[in-house]
Amino acid sequence: HPPVYTTEEAARLVPALPGAKAKNLFLRDAHGRQH
């Protein structure tokens, strides 16, 4: 599909597909030692 950068764009540009949609959060601690 066309490139998507946000969940809103994905909802608009990605065709209806089976399966659960997900969003991903990339987190770290304050010192960058754990991700």
All heavy atoms as atom14 arrays in JSON, in Angstrom:
{
  "sequence": "HPPVYTTEEAARLVPALPGAKAKNLFLRDAHGRQH",
  "atom14_mask": [
    [1, 1, 1, 1, 1, 1, 1, 1, 1, 1, 0, 0, 0, 0],
    [1, 1, 1, 1, 1, 1, 1, 0, 0, 0, 0, 0, 0, 0],
    [1, 1, 1, 1, 1, 1, 1, 0, 0, 0, 0, 0, 0, 0],
    [1, 1, 1, 1, 1, 1, 1, 0, 0, 0, 0, 0, 0, 0],
    [1, 1, 1, 1, 1, 1, 1, 1, 1, 1, 1, 1, 0, 0],
    [1, 1, 1, 1, 1, 1, 1, 0, 0, 0, 0, 0, 0, 0],
    [1, 1, 1, 1, 1, 1, 1, 0, 0, 0, 0, 0, 0, 0],
    [1, 1, 1, 1, 1, 1, 1, 1, 1, 0, 0, 0, 0, 0],
    [1, 1, 1, 1, 1, 1, 1, 1, 1, 0, 0, 0, 0, 0],
    [1, 1, 1, 1, 1, 0, 0, 0, 0, 0, 0, 0, 0, 0],
    [1, 1, 1, 1, 1, 0, 0, 0, 0, 0, 0, 0, 0, 0],
    [1, 1, 1, 1, 1, 1, 1, 1, 1, 1, 1, 0, 0, 0],
    [1, 1, 1, 1, 1, 1, 1, 1, 0, 0, 0, 0, 0, 0],
    [1, 1, 1, 1, 1, 1, 1, 0, 0, 0, 0, 0, 0, 0],
    [1, 1, 1, 1, 1, 1, 1, 0, 0, 0, 0, 0, 0, 0],
    [1, 1, 1, 1, 1, 0, 0, 0, 0, 0, 0, 0, 0, 0],
    [1, 1, 1, 1, 1, 1, 1, 1, 0, 0, 0, 0, 0, 0],
    [1, 1, 1, 1, 1, 1, 1, 0, 0, 0, 0, 0, 0, 0],
    [1, 1, 1, 1, 0, 0, 0, 0, 0, 0, 0, 0, 0, 0],
    [1, 1, 1, 1, 1, 0, 0, 0, 0, 0, 0, 0, 0, 0],
    [1, 1, 1, 1, 1, 1, 1, 1, 1, 0, 0, 0, 0, 0],
    [1, 1, 1, 1, 1, 0, 0, 0, 0, 0, 0, 0, 0, 0],
    [1, 1, 1, 1, 1, 1, 1, 1, 1, 0, 0, 0, 0, 0],
    [1, 1, 1, 1, 1, 1, 1, 1, 0, 0, 0, 0, 0, 0],
    [1, 1, 1, 1, 1, 1, 1, 1, 0, 0, 0, 0, 0, 0],
    [1, 1, 1, 1, 1, 1, 1, 1, 1, 1, 1, 0, 0, 0],
    [1, 1, 1, 1, 1, 1, 1, 1, 0, 0, 0, 0, 0, 0],
    [1, 1, 1, 1, 1, 1, 1, 1, 1, 1, 1, 0, 0, 0],
    [1, 1, 1, 1, 1, 1, 1, 1, 0, 0, 0, 0, 0, 0],
    [1, 1, 1, 1, 1, 0, 0, 0, 0, 0, 0, 0, 0, 0],
    [1, 1, 1, 1, 1, 1, 1, 1, 1, 1, 0, 0, 0, 0],
    [1, 1, 1, 1, 0, 0, 0, 0, 0, 0, 0, 0, 0, 0],
    [1, 1, 1, 1, 1, 1, 1, 1, 1, 1, 1, 0, 0, 0],
    [1, 1, 1, 1, 1, 1, 1, 1, 1, 0, 0, 0, 0, 0],
    [1, 1, 1, 1, 1, 1, 1, 1, 1, 1, 0, 0, 0, 0]
  ],
  "atom14_positions": [
    [[0.85, -1.18, 0.0], [0.0, 0.0, 0.0], [0.89, 1.24, 0.0], [2.12, 1.15, 0.15], [-0.92, -0.01, 1.22], [-0.21, -0.26, 2.52], [0.64, 0.67, 3.11], [-0.19, -1.34, 3.34], [1.12, 0.18, 4.23], [0.64, -1.05, 4.39], [0.0, 0.0, 0.0], [0.0, 0.0, 0.0], [0.0, 0.0, 0.0], [0.0, 0.0, 0.0]],
    [[0.32, 2.44, -0.15], [1.13, 3.67, -0.09], [1.79, 3.8, 1.29], [1.33, 3.22, 2.27], [0.1, 4.78, -0.32], [-1.04, 4.11, -1.02], [-1.09, 2.72, -0.49], [0.0, 0.0, 0.0], [0.0, 0.0, 0.0], [0.0, 0.0, 0.0], [0.0, 0.0, 0.0], [0.0, 0.0, 0.0], [0.0, 0.0, 0.0], [0.0, 0.0, 0.0]],
    [[2.86, 4.56, 1.37], [3.53, 4.72, 2.67], [2.63, 5.41, 3.69], [1.91, 6.36, 3.35], [4.76, 5.58, 2.34], [4.43, 6.24, 1.04], [3.56, 5.3, 0.29], [0.0, 0.0, 0.0], [0.0, 0.0, 0.0], [0.0, 0.0, 0.0], [0.0, 0.0, 0.0], [0.0, 0.0, 0.0], [0.0, 0.0, 0.0], [0.0, 0.0, 0.0]],
    [[2.65, 4.93, 4.92], [1.86, 5.52, 6.0], [2.8, 5.8, 7.18], [3.73, 5.04, 7.44], [0.72, 4.58, 6.44], [-0.3, 4.44, 5.33], [1.25, 3.2, 6.82], [0.0, 0.0, 0.0], [0.0, 0.0, 0.0], [0.0, 0.0, 0.0], [0.0, 0.0, 0.0], [0.0, 0.0, 0.0], [0.0, 0.0, 0.0], [0.0, 0.0, 0.0]],
    [[2.56, 6.92, 7.86], [3.44, 7.32, 8.95], [2.71, 7.44, 10.29], [3.35, 7.51, 11.33], [4.09, 8.67, 8.61], [5.02, 8.58, 7.42], [4.55, 8.84, 6.13], [6.35, 8.22, 7.59], [5.39, 8.74, 5.04], [7.2, 8.12, 6.5], [6.72, 8.39, 5.22], [7.56, 8.27, 4.15], [0.0, 0.0, 0.0], [0.0, 0.0, 0.0]],
    [[1.4, 7.45, 10.26], [0.61, 7.54, 11.5], [-0.52, 6.54, 11.43], [-0.87, 6.01, 10.36], [0.04, 8.96, 11.69], [-0.9, 9.23, 10.62], [1.14, 10.01, 11.67], [0.0, 0.0, 0.0], [0.0, 0.0, 0.0], [0.0, 0.0, 0.0], [0.0, 0.0, 0.0], [0.0, 0.0, 0.0], [0.0, 0.0, 0.0], [0.0, 0.0, 0.0]],
    [[-1.13, 6.27, 12.6], [-2.28, 5.36, 12.62], [-3.45, 5.95, 11.83], [-4.24, 5.21, 11.24], [-2.7, 5.1, 14.07], [-2.88, 6.35, 14.75], [-1.63, 4.29, 14.8], [0.0, 0.0, 0.0], [0.0, 0.0, 0.0], [0.0, 0.0, 0.0], [0.0, 0.0, 0.0], [0.0, 0.0, 0.0], [0.0, 0.0, 0.0], [0.0, 0.0, 0.0]],
    [[-3.54, 7.29, 11.82], [-4.62, 7.92, 11.05], [-4.43, 7.69, 9.55], [-5.39, 7.39, 8.82], [-4.68, 9.42, 11.35], [-5.15, 9.77, 12.75], [-4.07, 9.54, 13.8], [-2.89, 9.36, 13.42], [-4.41, 9.55, 15.0], [0.0, 0.0, 0.0], [0.0, 0.0, 0.0], [0.0, 0.0, 0.0], [0.0, 0.0, 0.0], [0.0, 0.0, 0.0]],
    [[-3.19, 7.82, 9.07], [-2.92, 7.55, 7.66], [-3.15, 6.08, 7.33], [-3.64, 5.76, 6.24], [-1.49, 7.95, 7.32], [-1.24, 9.44, 7.27], [0.16, 9.78, 6.82], [1.01, 8.87, 6.75], [0.42, 10.95, 6.53], [0.0, 0.0, 0.0], [0.0, 0.0, 0.0], [0.0, 0.0, 0.0], [0.0, 0.0, 0.0], [0.0, 0.0, 0.0]],
    [[-2.77, 5.2, 8.24], [-2.99, 3.78, 8.0], [-4.47, 3.47, 7.87], [-4.89, 2.68, 7.0], [-2.38, 2.97, 9.14], [0.0, 0.0, 0.0], [0.0, 0.0, 0.0], [0.0, 0.0, 0.0], [0.0, 0.0, 0.0], [0.0, 0.0, 0.0], [0.0, 0.0, 0.0], [0.0, 0.0, 0.0], [0.0, 0.0, 0.0], [0.0, 0.0, 0.0]],
    [[-5.3, 4.09, 8.69], [-6.74, 3.86, 8.62], [-7.31, 4.35, 7.29], [-8.28, 3.79, 6.77], [-7.44, 4.55, 9.78], [0.0, 0.0, 0.0], [0.0, 0.0, 0.0], [0.0, 0.0, 0.0], [0.0, 0.0, 0.0], [0.0, 0.0, 0.0], [0.0, 0.0, 0.0], [0.0, 0.0, 0.0], [0.0, 0.0, 0.0], [0.0, 0.0, 0.0]],
    [[-6.67, 5.38, 6.71], [-7.18, 5.96, 5.48], [-6.62, 5.29, 4.22], [-7.32, 5.16, 3.22], [-6.87, 7.46, 5.46], [-7.35, 8.21, 4.25], [-7.27, 9.71, 4.48], [-5.99, 10.12, 5.02], [-4.93, 10.44, 4.28], [-5.04, 10.4, 2.95], [-3.81, 10.82, 4.82], [0.0, 0.0, 0.0], [0.0, 0.0, 0.0], [0.0, 0.0, 0.0]],
    [[-5.35, 4.87, 4.26], [-4.68, 4.4, 3.05], [-4.54, 2.89, 2.95], [-4.38, 2.36, 1.85], [-3.28, 5.03, 2.96], [-3.24, 6.56, 2.86], [-1.81, 7.07, 2.9], [-3.93, 7.02, 1.58], [0.0, 0.0, 0.0], [0.0, 0.0, 0.0], [0.0, 0.0, 0.0], [0.0, 0.0, 0.0], [0.0, 0.0, 0.0], [0.0, 0.0, 0.0]],
    [[-4.61, 2.2, 4.07], [-4.48, 0.74, 4.03], [-5.87, 0.13, 3.86], [-6.8, 0.49, 4.59], [-3.82, 0.22, 5.32], [-3.73, -1.3, 5.29], [-2.44, 0.83, 5.49], [0.0, 0.0, 0.0], [0.0, 0.0, 0.0], [0.0, 0.0, 0.0], [0.0, 0.0, 0.0], [0.0, 0.0, 0.0], [0.0, 0.0, 0.0], [0.0, 0.0, 0.0]],
    [[-6.04, -0.77, 2.91], [-7.37, -1.37, 2.72], [-7.79, -2.2, 3.93], [-6.96, -2.56, 4.77], [-7.16, -2.26, 1.48], [-5.7, -2.53, 1.43], [-5.03, -1.3, 1.97], [0.0, 0.0, 0.0], [0.0, 0.0, 0.0], [0.0, 0.0, 0.0], [0.0, 0.0, 0.0], [0.0, 0.0, 0.0], [0.0, 0.0, 0.0], [0.0, 0.0, 0.0]],
    [[-9.07, -2.47, 4.0], [-9.59, -3.28, 5.1], [-8.97, -4.67, 5.06], [-9.02, -5.35, 4.03], [-11.11, -3.36, 5.02], [0.0, 0.0, 0.0], [0.0, 0.0, 0.0], [0.0, 0.0, 0.0], [0.0, 0.0, 0.0], [0.0, 0.0, 0.0], [0.0, 0.0, 0.0], [0.0, 0.0, 0.0], [0.0, 0.0, 0.0], [0.0, 0.0, 0.0]],
    [[-8.37, -5.08, 6.16], [-7.68, -6.36, 6.24], [-8.13, -7.14, 7.46], [-8.54, -6.53, 8.47], [-6.15, -6.13, 6.33], [-5.48, -5.37, 5.2], [-4.02, -5.1, 5.54], [-5.59, -6.15, 3.89], [0.0, 0.0, 0.0], [0.0, 0.0, 0.0], [0.0, 0.0, 0.0], [0.0, 0.0, 0.0], [0.0, 0.0, 0.0], [0.0, 0.0, 0.0]],
    [[-8.06, -8.45, 7.42], [-8.37, -9.23, 8.62], [-7.28, -9.05, 9.66], [-6.14, -8.68, 9.35], [-8.42, -10.66, 8.1], [-7.55, -10.66, 6.88], [-7.71, -9.3, 6.26], [0.0, 0.0, 0.0], [0.0, 0.0, 0.0], [0.0, 0.0, 0.0], [0.0, 0.0, 0.0], [0.0, 0.0, 0.0], [0.0, 0.0, 0.0], [0.0, 0.0, 0.0]],
    [[-7.62, -9.28, 10.9], [-6.63, -9.19, 11.96], [-6.73, -7.89, 12.74], [-7.27, -6.89, 12.26], [0.0, 0.0, 0.0], [0.0, 0.0, 0.0], [0.0, 0.0, 0.0], [0.0, 0.0, 0.0], [0.0, 0.0, 0.0], [0.0, 0.0, 0.0], [0.0, 0.0, 0.0], [0.0, 0.0, 0.0], [0.0, 0.0, 0.0], [0.0, 0.0, 0.0]],
    [[-6.19, -7.93, 13.95], [-6.24, -6.77, 14.84], [-5.18, -5.75, 14.43], [-4.06, -6.1, 14.09], [-6.01, -7.22, 16.28], [0.0, 0.0, 0.0], [0.0, 0.0, 0.0], [0.0, 0.0, 0.0], [0.0, 0.0, 0.0], [0.0, 0.0, 0.0], [0.0, 0.0, 0.0], [0.0, 0.0, 0.0], [0.0, 0.0, 0.0], [0.0, 0.0, 0.0]],
    [[-5.57, -4.47, 14.48], [-4.62, -3.4, 14.23], [-3.91, -3.04, 15.53], [-4.49, -3.11, 16.61], [-5.33, -2.16, 13.68], [-5.99, -2.37, 12.32], [-6.64, -1.08, 11.85], [-7.29, -1.24, 10.5], [-7.93, 0.02, 10.03], [0.0, 0.0, 0.0], [0.0, 0.0, 0.0], [0.0, 0.0, 0.0], [0.0, 0.0, 0.0], [0.0, 0.0, 0.0]],
    [[-2.65, -2.65, 15.41], [-1.86, -2.35, 16.6], [-1.13, -1.03, 16.43], [-0.88, -0.57, 15.31], [-0.85, -3.47, 16.87], [0.0, 0.0, 0.0], [0.0, 0.0, 0.0], [0.0, 0.0, 0.0], [0.0, 0.0, 0.0], [0.0, 0.0, 0.0], [0.0, 0.0, 0.0], [0.0, 0.0, 0.0], [0.0, 0.0, 0.0], [0.0, 0.0, 0.0]],
    [[-0.78, -0.43, 17.55], [0.14, 0.71, 17.54], [1.3, 0.36, 18.46], [1.15, -0.39, 19.43], [-0.56, 2.0, 17.96], [-1.19, 2.0, 19.34], [-1.91, 3.32, 19.57], [-2.64, 3.34, 20.9], [-3.4, 4.61, 21.09], [0.0, 0.0, 0.0], [0.0, 0.0, 0.0], [0.0, 0.0, 0.0], [0.0, 0.0, 0.0], [0.0, 0.0, 0.0]],
    [[2.46, 0.9, 18.13], [3.69, 0.5, 18.79], [4.33, 1.7, 19.49], [4.5, 2.76, 18.87], [4.67, -0.08, 17.77], [4.07, -1.24, 17.0], [4.17, -2.38, 17.39], [3.43, -0.93, 15.87], [0.0, 0.0, 0.0], [0.0, 0.0, 0.0], [0.0, 0.0, 0.0], [0.0, 0.0, 0.0], [0.0, 0.0, 0.0], [0.0, 0.0, 0.0]],
    [[4.7, 1.52, 20.73], [5.35, 2.56, 21.52], [6.77, 2.12, 21.83], [6.98, 1.07, 22.45], [4.58, 2.81, 22.82], [3.07, 3.08, 22.68], [2.43, 3.19, 24.05], [2.82, 4.33, 21.86], [0.0, 0.0, 0.0], [0.0, 0.0, 0.0], [0.0, 0.0, 0.0], [0.0, 0.0, 0.0], [0.0, 0.0, 0.0], [0.0, 0.0, 0.0]],
    [[7.73, 2.91, 21.39], [9.14, 2.61, 21.64], [9.6, 3.48, 22.81], [9.74, 4.69, 22.68], [9.97, 2.89, 20.39], [11.43, 2.55, 20.54], [11.84, 1.27, 20.85], [12.4, 3.54, 20.35], [13.19, 0.96, 20.97], [13.75, 3.24, 20.48], [14.14, 1.95, 20.79], [0.0, 0.0, 0.0], [0.0, 0.0, 0.0], [0.0, 0.0, 0.0]],
    [[9.8, 2.84, 23.95], [10.11, 3.55, 25.18], [11.51, 3.2, 25.69], [12.07, 2.16, 25.33], [9.09, 3.22, 26.28], [7.61, 3.43, 25.93], [6.73, 2.95, 27.08], [7.33, 4.89, 25.62], [0.0, 0.0, 0.0], [0.0, 0.0, 0.0], [0.0, 0.0, 0.0], [0.0, 0.0, 0.0], [0.0, 0.0, 0.0], [0.0, 0.0, 0.0]],
    [[12.03, 4.06, 26.54], [13.33, 3.83, 27.17], [13.34, 4.47, 28.55], [12.48, 5.32, 28.86], [14.46, 4.42, 26.34], [14.21, 5.81, 25.86], [15.44, 6.5, 25.36], [16.15, 7.15, 26.46], [17.2, 7.95, 26.3], [17.68, 8.18, 25.1], [17.78, 8.51, 27.32], [0.0, 0.0, 0.0], [0.0, 0.0, 0.0], [0.0, 0.0, 0.0]],
    [[14.29, 4.05, 29.38], [14.43, 4.71, 30.67], [15.14, 6.04, 30.49], [15.6, 6.38, 29.39], [15.14, 3.81, 31.68], [16.59, 3.54, 31.28], [17.02, 3.99, 30.21], [17.3, 2.87, 32.06], [0.0, 0.0, 0.0], [0.0, 0.0, 0.0], [0.0, 0.0, 0.0], [0.0, 0.0, 0.0], [0.0, 0.0, 0.0], [0.0, 0.0, 0.0]],
    [[15.27, 6.79, 31.57], [15.83, 8.14, 31.47], [17.28, 8.13, 31.04], [17.77, 9.11, 30.46], [15.68, 8.86, 32.81], [0.0, 0.0, 0.0], [0.0, 0.0, 0.0], [0.0, 0.0, 0.0], [0.0, 0.0, 0.0], [0.0, 0.0, 0.0], [0.0, 0.0, 0.0], [0.0, 0.0, 0.0], [0.0, 0.0, 0.0], [0.0, 0.0, 0.0]],
    [[18.0, 7.04, 31.33], [19.42, 6.97, 31.01], [19.7, 6.25, 29.69], [20.86, 6.15, 29.28], [20.17, 6.27, 32.14], [20.01, 6.94, 33.47], [20.6, 8.14, 33.78], [19.29, 6.59, 34.57], [20.28, 8.5, 35.02], [19.47, 7.58, 35.52], [0.0, 0.0, 0.0], [0.0, 0.0, 0.0], [0.0, 0.0, 0.0], [0.0, 0.0, 0.0]],
    [[18.68, 5.74, 29.03], [18.87, 5.04, 27.76], [19.52, 3.68, 27.91], [20.1, 3.16, 26.96], [0.0, 0.0, 0.0], [0.0, 0.0, 0.0], [0.0, 0.0, 0.0], [0.0, 0.0, 0.0], [0.0, 0.0, 0.0], [0.0, 0.0, 0.0], [0.0, 0.0, 0.0], [0.0, 0.0, 0.0], [0.0, 0.0, 0.0], [0.0, 0.0, 0.0]],
    [[19.41, 3.07, 29.09], [20.01, 1.74, 29.31], [19.01, 0.62, 29.05], [19.41, -0.51, 28.76], [20.52, 1.64, 30.75], [21.61, 2.66, 31.08], [22.18, 2.4, 32.46], [23.14, 3.44, 32.82], [23.07, 4.17, 33.93], [22.08, 3.96, 34.79], [23.98, 5.09, 34.19], [0.0, 0.0, 0.0], [0.0, 0.0, 0.0], [0.0, 0.0, 0.0]],
    [[17.72, 0.9, 29.17], [16.68, -0.09, 28.92], [15.74, 0.44, 27.84], [15.38, 1.61, 27.85], [15.88, -0.37, 30.19], [16.68, -0.89, 31.36], [15.79, -1.16, 32.56], [15.04, -2.14, 32.6], [15.86, -0.28, 33.55], [0.0, 0.0, 0.0], [0.0, 0.0, 0.0], [0.0, 0.0, 0.0], [0.0, 0.0, 0.0], [0.0, 0.0, 0.0]],
    [[15.37, -0.46, 26.92], [14.47, -0.09, 25.84], [13.32, -1.09, 25.78], [13.52, -2.3, 26.0], [15.21, -0.05, 24.5], [16.28, 1.0, 24.43], [17.53, 0.83, 24.98], [16.26, 2.26, 23.89], [18.25, 1.93, 24.76], [17.51, 2.79, 24.11], [0.0, 0.0, 0.0], [0.0, 0.0, 0.0], [0.0, 0.0, 0.0], [0.0, 0.0, 0.0]]
  ]
}
